[in-house]
Amino acid sequence: MKALFNDVVIAEADETVIVEGNHYFPPESLNLEFFSETPAYTTTCAWKGLASYYDVEVDGERAEAVAWTYKDPSERASNIKDHVAFYPKVRIEGGSKRGFFSRN
């Protein structure tokens, strides 16, 4: 699986975890040079917990709060701890839907 922004690969993994239709990339798959934390912006999911956000910048093009992660997720979402998912401004390509996880 690849995550691309501005036609540049910002994350690449052999396997992602899919939750609610979003591919969660493992932390080691990120090209961190393109990411910066957005500490002032968080959201809360009733069953996953507190989400932290990242801005992504490639070749001068910036997308604010386009990626999110759960640094301390609930027990039910523990399999996505520190994994990163993306809003549609980031294109996801390739691979299969391996590692599917349902909240039910």
PDB file of N, CA and C in Angstrom:
ATOM      1  N   MET A   1       0.851  -1.179   0.000  1.00  0.00           N
ATOM      2  CA  MET A   1       0.000   0.000   0.000  1.00  0.00           C
ATOM      3  C   MET A   1       0.895   1.239   0.000  1.00  0.00           C
ATOM      4  N   LYS A   2       0.439   2.250  -0.706  1.00  0.00           N
ATOM      5  CA  LYS A   2       1.159   3.518  -0.752  1.00  0.00           C
ATOM      6  C   LYS A   2       0.195   4.656  -0.461  1.00  0.00           C
ATOM      7  N   ALA A   3       0.691   5.655   0.252  1.00  0.00           N
ATOM      8  CA  ALA A   3      -0.029   6.899   0.452  1.00  0.00           C
ATOM      9  C   ALA A   3       0.761   7.978  -0.289  1.00  0.00           C
ATOM     10  N   LEU A   4       0.089   8.690  -1.190  1.00  0.00           N
ATOM     11  CA  LEU A   4       0.763   9.700  -1.994  1.00  0.00           C
ATOM     12  C   LEU A   4       0.128  11.068  -1.797  1.00  0.00           C
ATOM     13  N   PHE A   5       0.978  12.073  -1.721  1.00  0.00           N
ATOM     14  CA  PHE A   5       0.523  13.453  -1.668  1.00  0.00           C
ATOM     15  C   PHE A   5       1.389  14.236  -2.642  1.00  0.00           C
ATOM     16  N   ASN A   6       0.742  15.008  -3.508  1.00  0.00           N
ATOM     17  CA  ASN A   6       1.465  15.774  -4.519  1.00  0.00           C
ATOM     18  C   ASN A   6       2.338  14.832  -5.363  1.00  0.00           C
ATOM     19  N   ASP A   7       1.823  13.634  -5.624  1.00  0.00           N
ATOM     20  CA  ASP A   7       2.477  12.589  -6.421  1.00  0.00           C
ATOM     21  C   ASP A   7       3.783  12.066  -5.826  1.00  0.00           C
ATOM     22  N   VAL A   8       3.964  12.233  -4.523  1.00  0.00           N
ATOM     23  CA  VAL A   8       5.145  11.722  -3.820  1.00  0.00           C
ATOM     24  C   VAL A   8       4.674  10.727  -2.760  1.00  0.00           C
ATOM     25  N   VAL A   9       5.386   9.592  -2.646  1.00  0.00           N
ATOM     26  CA  VAL A   9       5.041   8.578  -1.650  1.00  0.00           C
ATOM     27  C   VAL A   9       5.419   9.094  -0.265  1.00  0.00           C
ATOM     28  N   ILE A  10       4.413   9.237   0.606  1.00  0.00           N
ATOM     29  CA  ILE A  10       4.669   9.710   1.966  1.00  0.00           C
ATOM     30  C   ILE A  10       4.583   8.574   2.985  1.00  0.00           C
ATOM     31  N   ALA A  11       4.034   7.428   2.559  1.00  0.00           N
ATOM     32  CA  ALA A  11       3.995   6.231   3.405  1.00  0.00           C
ATOM     33  C   ALA A  11       3.875   5.022   2.483  1.00  0.00           C
ATOM     34  N   GLU A  12       4.525   3.922   2.893  1.00  0.00           N
ATOM     35  CA  GLU A  12       4.466   2.694   2.098  1.00  0.00           C
ATOM     36  C   GLU A  12       4.590   1.500   3.027  1.00  0.00           C
ATOM     37  N   ALA A  13       3.653   0.559   2.886  1.00  0.00           N
ATOM     38  CA  ALA A  13       3.629  -0.611   3.768  1.00  0.00           C
ATOM     39  C   ALA A  13       3.139  -1.836   3.007  1.00  0.00           C
ATOM     40  N   ASP A  14       3.648  -3.001   3.391  1.00  0.00           N
ATOM     41  CA  ASP A  14       3.171  -4.255   2.819  1.00  0.00           C
ATOM     42  C   ASP A  14       1.758  -4.558   3.290  1.00  0.00           C
ATOM     43  N   GLU A  15       1.421  -4.058   4.484  1.00  0.00           N
ATOM     44  CA  GLU A  15       0.114  -4.348   5.061  1.00  0.00           C
ATOM     45  C   GLU A  15      -0.355  -3.150   5.884  1.00  0.00           C
ATOM     46  N   THR A  16      -1.635  -2.837   5.768  1.00  0.00           N
ATOM     47  CA  THR A  16      -2.252  -1.801   6.590  1.00  0.00           C
ATOM     48  C   THR A  16      -3.391  -2.446   7.371  1.00  0.00           C
ATOM     49  N   VAL A  17      -3.895  -1.708   8.353  1.00  0.00           N
ATOM     50  CA  VAL A  17      -5.078  -2.145   9.089  1.00  0.00           C
ATOM     51  C   VAL A  17      -6.225  -1.254   8.627  1.00  0.00           C
ATOM     52  N   ILE A  18      -7.329  -1.864   8.247  1.00  0.00           N
ATOM     53  CA  ILE A  18      -8.473  -1.090   7.766  1.00  0.00           C
ATOM     54  C   ILE A  18      -9.524  -1.008   8.859  1.00  0.00           C
ATOM     55  N   VAL A  19      -9.867   0.219   9.203  1.00  0.00           N
ATOM     56  CA  VAL A  19     -10.900   0.486  10.194  1.00  0.00           C
ATOM     57  C   VAL A  19     -11.842   1.521   9.597  1.00  0.00           C
ATOM     58  N   GLU A  20     -13.109   1.201   9.552  1.00  0.00           N
ATOM     59  CA  GLU A  20     -14.142   2.094   9.025  1.00  0.00           C
ATOM     60  C   GLU A  20     -13.778   2.629   7.640  1.00  0.00           C
ATOM     61  N   GLY A  21     -13.179   1.772   6.823  1.00  0.00           N
ATOM     62  CA  GLY A  21     -12.835   2.134   5.454  1.00  0.00           C
ATOM     63  C   GLY A  21     -11.531   2.882   5.289  1.00  0.00           C
ATOM     64  N   ASN A  22     -10.838   3.181   6.373  1.00  0.00           N
ATOM     65  CA  ASN A  22      -9.566   3.898   6.301  1.00  0.00           C
ATOM     66  C   ASN A  22      -8.396   2.943   6.467  1.00  0.00           C
ATOM     67  N   HIS A  23      -7.379   3.100   5.630  1.00  0.00           N
ATOM     68  CA  HIS A  23      -6.145   2.328   5.765  1.00  0.00           C
ATOM     69  C   HIS A  23      -5.271   3.003   6.810  1.00  0.00           C
ATOM     70  N   TYR A  24      -4.918   2.275   7.853  1.00  0.00           N
ATOM     71  CA  TYR A  24      -4.012   2.773   8.886  1.00  0.00           C
ATOM     72  C   TYR A  24      -2.629   2.193   8.616  1.00  0.00           C
ATOM     73  N   PHE A  25      -1.675   3.067   8.331  1.00  0.00           N
ATOM     74  CA  PHE A  25      -0.303   2.680   8.013  1.00  0.00           C
ATOM     75  C   PHE A  25       0.513   2.577   9.295  1.00  0.00           C
ATOM     76  N   PRO A  26       1.351   1.527   9.407  1.00  0.00           N
ATOM     77  CA  PRO A  26       2.185   1.410  10.606  1.00  0.00           C
ATOM     78  C   PRO A  26       3.187   2.568  10.680  1.00  0.00           C
ATOM     79  N   PRO A  27       3.579   2.963  11.889  1.00  0.00           N
ATOM     80  CA  PRO A  27       4.439   4.140  12.039  1.00  0.00           C
ATOM     81  C   PRO A  27       5.760   4.039  11.285  1.00  0.00           C
ATOM     82  N   GLU A  28       6.325   2.846  11.200  1.00  0.00           N
ATOM     83  CA  GLU A  28       7.606   2.695  10.513  1.00  0.00           C
ATOM     84  C   GLU A  28       7.488   2.848   8.998  1.00  0.00           C
ATOM     85  N   SER A  29       6.273   2.910   8.476  1.00  0.00           N
ATOM     86  CA  SER A  29       6.079   3.053   7.036  1.00  0.00           C
ATOM     87  C   SER A  29       6.065   4.512   6.573  1.00  0.00           C
ATOM     88  N   LEU A  30       6.043   5.452   7.511  1.00  0.00           N
ATOM     89  CA  LEU A  30       5.945   6.873   7.167  1.00  0.00           C
ATOM     90  C   LEU A  30       7.291   7.445   6.749  1.00  0.00           C
ATOM     91  N   ASN A  31       7.271   8.297   5.739  1.00  0.00           N
ATOM     92  CA  ASN A  31       8.445   9.099   5.387  1.00  0.00           C
ATOM     93  C   ASN A  31       8.331  10.394   6.196  1.00  0.00           C
ATOM     94  N   LEU A  32       8.905  10.374   7.391  1.00  0.00           N
ATOM     95  CA  LEU A  32       8.671  11.428   8.383  1.00  0.00           C
ATOM     96  C   LEU A  32       9.096  12.823   7.934  1.00  0.00           C
ATOM     97  N   GLU A  33       9.948  12.914   6.951  1.00  0.00           N
ATOM     98  CA  GLU A  33      10.376  14.229   6.465  1.00  0.00           C
ATOM     99  C   GLU A  33       9.202  15.068   5.960  1.00  0.00           C
ATOM    100  N   PHE A  34       8.093  14.422   5.615  1.00  0.00           N
ATOM    101  CA  PHE A  34       6.929  15.131   5.071  1.00  0.00           C
ATOM    102  C   PHE A  34       5.868  15.460   6.126  1.00  0.00           C
ATOM    103  N   PHE A  35       6.052  14.993   7.352  1.00  0.00           N
ATOM    104  CA  PHE A  35       5.038  15.128   8.401  1.00  0.00           C
ATOM    105  C   PHE A  35       5.471  16.115   9.482  1.00  0.00           C
ATOM    106  N   SER A  36       4.496  16.886   9.977  1.00  0.00           N
ATOM    107  CA  SER A  36       4.719  17.699  11.177  1.00  0.00           C
ATOM    108  C   SER A  36       3.461  17.617  12.036  1.00  0.00           C
ATOM    109  N   GLU A  37       3.670  17.478  13.338  1.00  0.00           N
ATOM    110  CA  GLU A  37       2.531  17.345  14.252  1.00  0.00           C
ATOM    111  C   GLU A  37       1.716  18.621  14.294  1.00  0.00           C
ATOM    112  N   THR A  38       0.418  18.462  14.504  1.00  0.00           N
ATOM    113  CA  THR A  38      -0.520  19.574  14.652  1.00  0.00           C
ATOM    114  C   THR A  38      -1.059  19.510  16.078  1.00  0.00           C
ATOM    115  N   PRO A  39      -0.264  19.958  17.072  1.00  0.00           N
ATOM    116  CA  PRO A  39      -0.647  19.745  18.471  1.00  0.00           C
ATOM    117  C   PRO A  39      -1.913  20.461  18.915  1.00  0.00           C
ATOM    118  N   ALA A  40      -2.285  21.530  18.258  1.00  0.00           N
ATOM    119  CA  ALA A  40      -3.459  22.300  18.689  1.00  0.00           C
ATOM    120  C   ALA A  40      -4.763  21.672  18.230  1.00  0.00           C
ATOM    121  N   TYR A  41      -4.692  20.647  17.376  1.00  0.00           N
ATOM    122  CA  TYR A  41      -5.918  20.080  16.816  1.00  0.00           C
ATOM    123  C   TYR A  41      -6.029  18.607  17.195  1.00  0.00           C
ATOM    124  N   THR A  42      -7.124  18.258  17.879  1.00  0.00           N
ATOM    125  CA  THR A  42      -7.417  16.864  18.220  1.00  0.00           C
ATOM    126  C   THR A  42      -8.917  16.638  18.055  1.00  0.00           C
ATOM    127  N   THR A  43      -9.288  15.380  17.922  1.00  0.00           N
ATOM    128  CA  THR A  43     -10.694  14.995  17.924  1.00  0.00           C
ATOM    129  C   THR A  43     -10.825  13.747  18.778  1.00  0.00           C
ATOM    130  N   THR A  44     -12.056  13.433  19.156  1.00  0.00           N
ATOM    131  CA  THR A  44     -12.291  12.245  19.971  1.00  0.00           C
ATOM    132  C   THR A  44     -13.305  11.349  19.286  1.00  0.00           C
ATOM    133  N   CYS A  45     -12.949  10.088  19.173  1.00  0.00           N
ATOM    134  CA  CYS A  45     -13.856   9.057  18.669  1.00  0.00           C
ATOM    135  C   CYS A  45     -14.389   8.302  19.879  1.00  0.00           C
ATOM    136  N   ALA A  46     -15.688   8.059  19.895  1.00  0.00           N
ATOM    137  CA  ALA A  46     -16.314   7.408  21.047  1.00  0.00           C
ATOM    138  C   ALA A  46     -15.713   6.042  21.360  1.00  0.00           C
ATOM    139  N   TRP A  47     -15.256   5.308  20.355  1.00  0.00           N
ATOM    140  CA  TRP A  47     -14.735   3.968  20.638  1.00  0.00           C
ATOM    141  C   TRP A  47     -13.230   3.813  20.415  1.00  0.00           C
ATOM    142  N   LYS A  48     -12.601   4.771  19.694  1.00  0.00           N
ATOM    143  CA  LYS A  48     -11.146   4.662  19.475  1.00  0.00           C
ATOM    144  C   LYS A  48     -10.355   5.535  20.443  1.00  0.00           C
ATOM    145  N   GLY A  49     -10.896   6.674  20.814  1.00  0.00           N
ATOM    146  CA  GLY A  49     -10.203   7.558  21.739  1.00  0.00           C
ATOM    147  C   GLY A  49      -9.809   8.883  21.106  1.00  0.00           C
ATOM    148  N   LEU A  50      -8.751   9.494  21.637  1.00  0.00           N
ATOM    149  CA  LEU A  50      -8.284  10.816  21.217  1.00  0.00           C
ATOM    150  C   LEU A  50      -7.356  10.687  20.008  1.00  0.00           C
ATOM    151  N   ALA A  51      -7.691  11.402  18.934  1.00  0.00           N
ATOM    152  CA  ALA A  51      -6.875  11.401  17.719  1.00  0.00           C
ATOM    153  C   ALA A  51      -5.999  12.635  17.681  1.00  0.00           C
ATOM    154  N   SER A  52      -4.742  12.431  17.343  1.00  0.00           N
ATOM    155  CA  SER A  52      -3.787  13.511  17.104  1.00  0.00           C
ATOM    156  C   SER A  52      -3.584  13.630  15.601  1.00  0.00           C
ATOM    157  N   TYR A  53      -3.220  14.818  15.134  1.00  0.00           N
ATOM    158  CA  TYR A  53      -3.154  15.080  13.697  1.00  0.00           C
ATOM    159  C   TYR A  53      -1.770  15.518  13.237  1.00  0.00           C
ATOM    160  N   TYR A  54      -1.546  15.302  11.941  1.00  0.00           N
ATOM    161  CA  TYR A  54      -0.315  15.742  11.273  1.00  0.00           C
ATOM    162  C   TYR A  54      -0.674  16.578  10.059  1.00  0.00           C
ATOM    163  N   ASP A  55       0.159  17.590   9.802  1.00  0.00           N
ATOM    164  CA  ASP A  55       0.159  18.278   8.520  1.00  0.00           C
ATOM    165  C   ASP A  55       1.141  17.520   7.639  1.00  0.00           C
ATOM    166  N   VAL A  56       0.924  17.581   6.332  1.00  0.00           N
ATOM    167  CA  VAL A  56       1.838  16.971   5.375  1.00  0.00           C
ATOM    168  C   VAL A  56       2.252  18.053   4.386  1.00  0.00           C
ATOM    169  N   GLU A  57       3.554  18.103   4.083  1.00  0.00           N
ATOM    170  CA  GLU A  57       4.047  19.072   3.103  1.00  0.00           C
ATOM    171  C   GLU A  57       5.027  18.395   2.164  1.00  0.00           C
ATOM    172  N   VAL A  58       4.770  18.576   0.866  1.00  0.00           N
ATOM    173  CA  VAL A  58       5.623  18.008  -0.177  1.00  0.00           C
ATOM    174  C   VAL A  58       5.834  19.074  -1.248  1.00  0.00           C
ATOM    175  N   ASP A  59       7.083  19.371  -1.544  1.00  0.00           N
ATOM    176  CA  ASP A  59       7.431  20.326  -2.609  1.00  0.00           C
ATOM    177  C   ASP A  59       6.669  21.644  -2.474  1.00  0.00           C
ATOM    178  N   GLY A  60       6.550  22.137  -1.241  1.00  0.00           N
ATOM    179  CA  GLY A  60       5.908  23.417  -0.999  1.00  0.00           C
ATOM    180  C   GLY A  60       4.391  23.380  -0.914  1.00  0.00           C
ATOM    181  N   GLU A  61       3.786  22.247  -1.216  1.00  0.00           N
ATOM    182  CA  GLU A  61       2.327  22.115  -1.083  1.00  0.00           C
ATOM    183  C   GLU A  61       2.017  21.487   0.271  1.00  0.00           C
ATOM    184  N   ARG A  62       1.160  22.164   1.031  1.00  0.00           N
ATOM    185  CA  ARG A  62       0.860  21.740   2.400  1.00  0.00           C
ATOM    186  C   ARG A  62      -0.615  21.390   2.547  1.00  0.00           C
ATOM    187  N   ALA A  63      -0.877  20.302   3.268  1.00  0.00           N
ATOM    188  CA  ALA A  63      -2.245  19.924   3.631  1.00  0.00           C
ATOM    189  C   ALA A  63      -2.293  19.860   5.151  1.00  0.00           C
ATOM    190  N   GLU A  64      -3.127  20.691   5.742  1.00  0.00           N
ATOM    191  CA  GLU A  64      -3.195  20.777   7.198  1.00  0.00           C
ATOM    192  C   GLU A  64      -4.112  19.697   7.766  1.00  0.00           C
ATOM    193  N   ALA A  65      -3.660  19.090   8.863  1.00  0.00           N
ATOM    194  CA  ALA A  65      -4.434  18.079   9.595  1.00  0.00           C
ATOM    195  C   ALA A  65      -5.010  17.016   8.660  1.00  0.00           C
ATOM    196  N   VAL A  66      -4.213  16.539   7.739  1.00  0.00           N
ATOM    197  CA  VAL A  66      -4.663  15.582   6.728  1.00  0.00           C
ATOM    198  C   VAL A  66      -4.428  14.129   7.145  1.00  0.00           C
ATOM    199  N   ALA A  67      -3.679  13.940   8.219  1.00  0.00           N
ATOM    200  CA  ALA A  67      -3.383  12.592   8.714  1.00  0.00           C
ATOM    201  C   ALA A  67      -3.655  12.544  10.209  1.00  0.00           C
ATOM    202  N   TRP A  68      -4.097  11.386  10.685  1.00  0.00           N
ATOM    203  CA  TRP A  68      -4.366  11.278  12.119  1.00  0.00           C
ATOM    204  C   TRP A  68      -3.887   9.942  12.665  1.00  0.00           C
ATOM    205  N   THR A  69      -3.699   9.929  13.990  1.00  0.00           N
ATOM    206  CA  THR A  69      -3.234   8.736  14.680  1.00  0.00           C
ATOM    207  C   THR A  69      -3.836   8.683  16.076  1.00  0.00           C
ATOM    208  N   TYR A  70      -3.853   7.496  16.645  1.00  0.00           N
ATOM    209  CA  TYR A  70      -4.294   7.299  18.022  1.00  0.00           C
ATOM    210  C   TYR A  70      -3.076   6.834  18.816  1.00  0.00           C
ATOM    211  N   LYS A  71      -2.496   7.757  19.587  1.00  0.00           N
ATOM    212  CA  LYS A  71      -1.287   7.437  20.360  1.00  0.00           C
ATOM    213  C   LYS A  71      -1.593   6.602  21.592  1.00  0.00           C
ATOM    214  N   ASP A  72      -2.779   6.756  22.122  1.00  0.00           N
ATOM    215  CA  ASP A  72      -3.202   5.993  23.297  1.00  0.00           C
ATOM    216  C   ASP A  72      -4.659   5.557  23.090  1.00  0.00           C
ATOM    217  N   PRO A  73      -4.884   4.635  22.156  1.00  0.00           N
ATOM    218  CA  PRO A  73      -6.257   4.255  21.820  1.00  0.00           C
ATOM    219  C   PRO A  73      -6.917   3.420  22.912  1.00  0.00           C
ATOM    220  N   SER A  74      -8.214   3.286  22.795  1.00  0.00           N
ATOM    221  CA  SER A  74      -8.954   2.392  23.687  1.00  0.00           C
ATOM    222  C   SER A  74      -8.479   0.960  23.446  1.00  0.00           C
ATOM    223  N   GLU A  75      -8.825   0.081  24.358  1.00  0.00           N
ATOM    224  CA  GLU A  75      -8.441  -1.322  24.209  1.00  0.00           C
ATOM    225  C   GLU A  75      -8.995  -1.918  22.907  1.00  0.00           C
ATOM    226  N   ARG A  76     -10.227  -1.531  22.567  1.00  0.00           N
ATOM    227  CA  ARG A  76     -10.852  -2.060  21.346  1.00  0.00           C
ATOM    228  C   ARG A  76     -10.124  -1.645  20.076  1.00  0.00           C
ATOM    229  N   ALA A  77      -9.390  -0.548  20.130  1.00  0.00           N
ATOM    230  CA  ALA A  77      -8.671  -0.048  18.955  1.00  0.00           C
ATOM    231  C   ALA A  77      -7.155  -0.186  19.110  1.00  0.00           C
ATOM    232  N   SER A  78      -6.729  -1.029  20.014  1.00  0.00           N
ATOM    233  CA  SER A  78      -5.287  -1.138  20.310  1.00  0.00           C
ATOM    234  C   SER A  78      -4.457  -1.569  19.104  1.00  0.00           C
ATOM    235  N   ASN A  79      -5.068  -2.229  18.133  1.00  0.00           N
ATOM    236  CA  ASN A  79      -4.299  -2.672  16.968  1.00  0.00           C
ATOM    237  C   ASN A  79      -3.938  -1.543  16.007  1.00  0.00           C
ATOM    238  N   ILE A  80      -4.449  -0.334  16.239  1.00  0.00           N
ATOM    239  CA  ILE A  80      -4.059   0.804  15.399  1.00  0.00           C
ATOM    240  C   ILE A  80      -3.233   1.829  16.173  1.00  0.00           C
ATOM    241  N   LYS A  81      -2.748   1.460  17.342  1.00  0.00           N
ATOM    242  CA  LYS A  81      -1.904   2.378  18.129  1.00  0.00           C
ATOM    243  C   LYS A  81      -0.750   2.879  17.266  1.00  0.00           C
ATOM    244  N   ASP A  82      -0.600   4.194  17.182  1.00  0.00           N
ATOM    245  CA  ASP A  82       0.463   4.880  16.452  1.00  0.00           C
ATOM    246  C   ASP A  82       0.401   4.701  14.933  1.00  0.00           C
ATOM    247  N   HIS A  83      -0.582   3.955  14.420  1.00  0.00           N
ATOM    248  CA  HIS A  83      -0.758   3.856  12.974  1.00  0.00           C
ATOM    249  C   HIS A  83      -1.371   5.165  12.475  1.00  0.00           C
ATOM    250  N   VAL A  84      -1.179   5.471  11.203  1.00  0.00           N
ATOM    251  CA  VAL A  84      -1.629   6.751  10.650  1.00  0.00           C
ATOM    252  C   VAL A  84      -2.576   6.517   9.473  1.00  0.00           C
ATOM    253  N   ALA A  85      -3.698   7.220   9.484  1.00  0.00           N
ATOM    254  CA  ALA A  85      -4.673   7.206   8.387  1.00  0.00           C
ATOM    255  C   ALA A  85      -4.741   8.604   7.777  1.00  0.00           C
ATOM    256  N   PHE A  86      -5.367   8.689   6.607  1.00  0.00           N
ATOM    257  CA  PHE A  86      -5.335   9.936   5.840  1.00  0.00           C
ATOM    258  C   PHE A  86      -6.704  10.333   5.323  1.00  0.00           C
ATOM    259  N   TYR A  87      -6.922  11.656   5.226  1.00  0.00           N
ATOM    260  CA  TYR A  87      -8.089  12.189   4.543  1.00  0.00           C
ATOM    261  C   TYR A  87      -7.870  12.074   3.034  1.00  0.00           C
ATOM    262  N   PRO A  88      -8.950  12.215   2.225  1.00  0.00           N
ATOM    263  CA  PRO A  88      -8.846  11.965   0.778  1.00  0.00           C
ATOM    264  C   PRO A  88      -7.862  12.847   0.000  1.00  0.00           C
ATOM    265  N   LYS A  89      -7.361  13.922   0.564  1.00  0.00           N
ATOM    266  CA  LYS A  89      -6.334  14.702  -0.132  1.00  0.00           C
ATOM    267  C   LYS A  89      -5.084  13.864  -0.381  1.00  0.00           C
ATOM    268  N   VAL A  90      -4.924  12.809   0.413  1.00  0.00           N
ATOM    269  CA  VAL A  90      -3.830  11.858   0.226  1.00  0.00           C
ATOM    270  C   VAL A  90      -4.402  10.657  -0.516  1.00  0.00           C
ATOM    271  N   ARG A  91      -3.779  10.290  -1.620  1.00  0.00           N
ATOM    272  CA  ARG A  91      -4.244   9.178  -2.445  1.00  0.00           C
ATOM    273  C   ARG A  91      -3.663   7.862  -1.923  1.00  0.00           C
ATOM    274  N   ILE A  92      -4.504   6.861  -1.761  1.00  0.00           N
ATOM    275  CA  ILE A  92      -4.081   5.533  -1.314  1.00  0.00           C
ATOM    276  C   ILE A  92      -4.134   4.602  -2.521  1.00  0.00           C
ATOM    277  N   GLU A  93      -3.033   3.870  -2.743  1.00  0.00           N
ATOM    278  CA  GLU A  93      -2.952   2.979  -3.905  1.00  0.00           C
ATOM    279  C   GLU A  93      -2.422   1.612  -3.512  1.00  0.00           C
ATOM    280  N   GLY A  94      -2.834   0.612  -4.307  1.00  0.00           N
ATOM    281  CA  GLY A  94      -2.234  -0.712  -4.274  1.00  0.00           C
ATOM    282  C   GLY A  94      -2.693  -1.609  -3.158  1.00  0.00           C
ATOM    283  N   GLY A  95      -2.153  -2.829  -3.184  1.00  0.00           N
ATOM    284  CA  GLY A  95      -2.354  -3.782  -2.112  1.00  0.00           C
ATOM    285  C   GLY A  95      -3.747  -4.351  -2.021  1.00  0.00           C
ATOM    286  N   SER A  96      -3.952  -5.044  -0.934  1.00  0.00           N
ATOM    287  CA  SER A  96      -5.235  -5.678  -0.668  1.00  0.00           C
ATOM    288  C   SER A  96      -5.783  -5.142   0.643  1.00  0.00           C
ATOM    289  N   LYS A  97      -6.936  -5.620   1.031  1.00  0.00           N
ATOM    290  CA  LYS A  97      -7.546  -5.192   2.283  1.00  0.00           C
ATOM    291  C   LYS A  97      -7.199  -6.182   3.385  1.00  0.00           C
ATOM    292  N   ARG A  98      -5.918  -6.407   3.615  1.00  0.00           N
ATOM    293  CA  ARG A  98      -5.476  -7.341   4.628  1.00  0.00           C
ATOM    294  C   ARG A  98      -5.528  -6.682   5.999  1.00  0.00           C
ATOM    295  N   GLY A  99      -5.784  -7.484   6.988  1.00  0.00           N
ATOM    296  CA  GLY A  99      -5.795  -6.985   8.356  1.00  0.00           C
ATOM    297  C   GLY A  99      -7.061  -6.251   8.731  1.00  0.00           C
ATOM    298  N   PHE A 100      -8.161  -6.527   8.087  1.00  0.00           N
ATOM    299  CA  PHE A 100      -9.424  -5.844   8.359  1.00  0.00           C
ATOM    300  C   PHE A 100      -9.805  -5.972   9.829  1.00  0.00           C
ATOM    301  N   PHE A 101     -10.264  -4.874  10.383  1.00  0.00           N
ATOM    302  CA  PHE A 101     -10.666  -4.828  11.787  1.00  0.00           C
ATOM    303  C   PHE A 101     -12.018  -4.156  11.861  1.00  0.00           C
ATOM    304  N   SER A 102     -12.926  -4.751  12.549  1.00  0.00           N
ATOM    305  CA  SER A 102     -14.250  -4.184  12.713  1.00  0.00           C
ATOM    306  C   SER A 102     -14.477  -3.827  14.165  1.00  0.00           C
ATOM    307  N   ARG A 103     -15.235  -2.775  14.411  1.00  0.00           N
ATOM    308  CA  ARG A 103     -15.504  -2.379  15.804  1.00  0.00           C
ATOM    309  C   ARG A 103     -16.626  -3.193  16.418  1.00  0.00           C
ATOM    310  N   ASN A 104     -17.284  -4.040  15.666  1.00  0.00           N
ATOM    311  CA  ASN A 104     -18.410  -4.820  16.190  1.00  0.00           C
ATOM    312  C   ASN A 104     -17.930  -5.967  17.045  1.00  0.00           C
TER     313      ASN A 104
END
